[in-house]
C-alpha atoms as a PDB file:
ATOM      1  CA  MET A   1     -15.615  16.765 -19.537  1.00  0.00           C
ATOM      2  CA  LYS A   2     -14.069  15.818 -16.028  1.00  0.00           C
ATOM      3  CA  LYS A   3     -11.705  12.801 -16.403  1.00  0.00           C
ATOM      4  CA  LEU A   4     -12.392   9.918 -14.033  1.00  0.00           C
ATOM      5  CA  LEU A   5      -9.814   8.720 -11.707  1.00  0.00           C
ATOM      6  CA  ALA A   6      -8.675   5.294 -12.441  1.00  0.00           C
ATOM      7  CA  ALA A   7      -9.666   3.024  -9.568  1.00  0.00           C
ATOM      8  CA  VAL A   8      -6.614   1.613  -7.857  1.00  0.00           C
ATOM      9  CA  VAL A   9      -6.706  -1.164  -5.244  1.00  0.00           C
ATOM     10  CA  VAL A  10      -3.550  -3.290  -4.721  1.00  0.00           C
ATOM     11  CA  ILE A  11      -3.125  -5.995  -2.074  1.00  0.00           C
ATOM     12  CA  LEU A  12       0.251  -7.269  -1.225  1.00  0.00           C
ATOM     13  CA  GLY A  13       1.201  -9.658   1.332  1.00  0.00           C
ATOM     14  CA  LEU A  14       4.970 -10.301   2.436  1.00  0.00           C
ATOM     15  CA  VAL A  15       6.989 -11.590   5.435  1.00  0.00           C
ATOM     16  CA  ALA A  16       9.511  -9.009   6.642  1.00  0.00           C
ATOM     17  CA  VAL A  17      13.154 -10.291   6.024  1.00  0.00           C
ATOM     18  CA  ALA A  18      14.773  -7.117   7.319  1.00  0.00           C
ATOM     19  CA  ASP A  19      13.834  -4.040   9.156  1.00  0.00           C
ATOM     20  CA  ALA A  20      12.229  -2.297   6.379  1.00  0.00           C
ATOM     21  CA  ALA A  21       9.731  -3.093   3.580  1.00  0.00           C
ATOM     22  CA  THR A  22       9.808  -1.538   0.208  1.00  0.00           C
ATOM     23  CA  LEU A  23       6.770  -1.439  -1.841  1.00  0.00           C
ATOM     24  CA  THR A  24       6.494  -0.718  -5.449  1.00  0.00           C
ATOM     25  CA  TRP A  25       3.742  -0.400  -7.822  1.00  0.00           C
ATOM     26  CA  THR A  26       2.723   1.157 -11.138  1.00  0.00           C
ATOM     27  CA  ASP A  27       0.918   4.453 -11.516  1.00  0.00           C
ATOM     28  CA  ASN A  28      -1.737   3.926 -14.176  1.00  0.00           C
ATOM     29  CA  SER A  29      -3.255   7.287 -13.451  1.00  0.00           C
ATOM     30  CA  ASP A  30      -2.531  10.664 -14.247  1.00  0.00           C
ATOM     31  CA  ASN A  31      -4.962  12.406 -12.031  1.00  0.00           C
ATOM     32  CA  GLU A  32      -4.806  10.807  -8.624  1.00  0.00           C
ATOM     33  CA  LEU A  33      -4.357  13.146  -5.343  1.00  0.00           C
ATOM     34  CA  GLY A  34      -1.983  10.690  -3.918  1.00  0.00           C
ATOM     35  CA  PHE A  35      -1.964   7.231  -2.488  1.00  0.00           C
ATOM     36  CA  LYS A  36      -3.278   5.726   0.816  1.00  0.00           C
ATOM     37  CA  ILE A  37      -1.138   2.708   2.245  1.00  0.00           C
ATOM     38  CA  TYR A  38      -2.703   0.413   4.674  1.00  0.00           C
ATOM     39  CA  ARG A  39      -1.212  -2.426   6.656  1.00  0.00           C
ATOM     40  CA  LYS A  40      -2.090  -5.271   9.076  1.00  0.00           C
ATOM     41  CA  ALA A  41       0.345  -7.468  10.771  1.00  0.00           C
ATOM     42  CA  GLU A  42      -1.240 -10.711   9.484  1.00  0.00           C
ATOM     43  CA  VAL A  43      -1.321 -12.954   6.513  1.00  0.00           C
ATOM     44  CA  CYS A  44      -3.468 -11.733   3.639  1.00  0.00           C
ATOM     45  CA  SER A  45      -6.852 -13.263   3.424  1.00  0.00           C
ATOM     46  CA  GLY A  46     -10.509 -12.306   2.325  1.00  0.00           C
ATOM     47  CA  THR A  47     -11.181 -11.197   5.934  1.00  0.00           C
ATOM     48  CA  VAL A  48      -8.516  -8.547   6.503  1.00  0.00           C
ATOM     49  CA  ALA A  49     -10.003  -5.423   7.440  1.00  0.00           C
ATOM     50  CA  PHE A  50      -7.949  -2.164   6.839  1.00  0.00           C
ATOM     51  CA  THR A  51      -9.251   0.871   8.668  1.00  0.00           C
ATOM     52  CA  VAL A  52      -6.526   3.746   9.142  1.00  0.00           C
ATOM     53  CA  PRO A  53      -3.767   4.411   6.671  1.00  0.00           C
ATOM     54  CA  VAL A  54      -0.074   3.978   7.811  1.00  0.00           C
ATOM     55  CA  ALA A  55       1.038   6.242   5.231  1.00  0.00           C
ATOM     56  CA  VAL A  56      -0.186   8.647   2.654  1.00  0.00           C
ATOM     57  CA  VAL A  57       2.244   9.338  -0.415  1.00  0.00           C
ATOM     58  CA  GLY A  58       1.914  12.128  -3.154  1.00  0.00           C
ATOM     59  CA  PRO A  59       0.469  11.854  -6.635  1.00  0.00           C
ATOM     60  CA  ASN A  60       2.685  10.045  -9.335  1.00  0.00           C
ATOM     61  CA  SER A  61       4.582   8.215  -6.383  1.00  0.00           C
ATOM     62  CA  VAL A  62       5.334   4.383  -7.063  1.00  0.00           C
ATOM     63  CA  THR A  63       7.164   3.427  -4.049  1.00  0.00           C
ATOM     64  CA  TYR A  64       7.004   3.418  -0.253  1.00  0.00           C
ATOM     65  CA  VAL A  65       9.496   2.212   2.456  1.00  0.00           C
ATOM     66  CA  ASP A  66       7.947   1.011   5.558  1.00  0.00           C
ATOM     67  CA  GLY A  67      10.624   1.286   8.282  1.00  0.00           C
ATOM     68  CA  THR A  68       8.527  -0.122  10.798  1.00  0.00           C
ATOM     69  CA  VAL A  69       8.184  -3.911  10.345  1.00  0.00           C
ATOM     70  CA  VAL A  70       9.669  -6.631  12.448  1.00  0.00           C
ATOM     71  CA  GLN A  71      11.706  -9.176  10.870  1.00  0.00           C
ATOM     72  CA  GLY A  72       9.895 -12.400  10.411  1.00  0.00           C
ATOM     73  CA  GLN A  73       6.347 -11.103  10.761  1.00  0.00           C
ATOM     74  CA  ASN A  74       3.568 -11.482   8.196  1.00  0.00           C
ATOM     75  CA  TYR A  75       2.192  -8.272   6.862  1.00  0.00           C
ATOM     76  CA  CYS A  76      -0.725  -7.376   4.438  1.00  0.00           C
ATOM     77  CA  TYR A  77      -0.862  -3.981   2.610  1.00  0.00           C
ATOM     78  CA  ARG A  78      -3.417  -2.137   0.611  1.00  0.00           C
ATOM     79  CA  LEU A  79      -2.965   0.531  -1.580  1.00  0.00           C
ATOM     80  CA  THR A  80      -5.666   2.891  -2.929  1.00  0.00           C
ATOM     81  CA  ALA A  81      -5.609   6.061  -4.993  1.00  0.00           C
END
């Protein structure tokens, strides 16, 4: 029987305090193909629409460094497996 992938959706809001933002998460799955990381330059709310991933990291990853942030800007991230 094929094992189902545990659904992973994480939404995180932050204000950049430097020229990079480090995201970390817990990998609760053992069969994902990787994680897609989406970002919008705005405060997180129920109306944030994520369309294109800014990065894709491999299976079993638990961190991502976004080196393209601007200090003082609000960002909303979404992570999916």
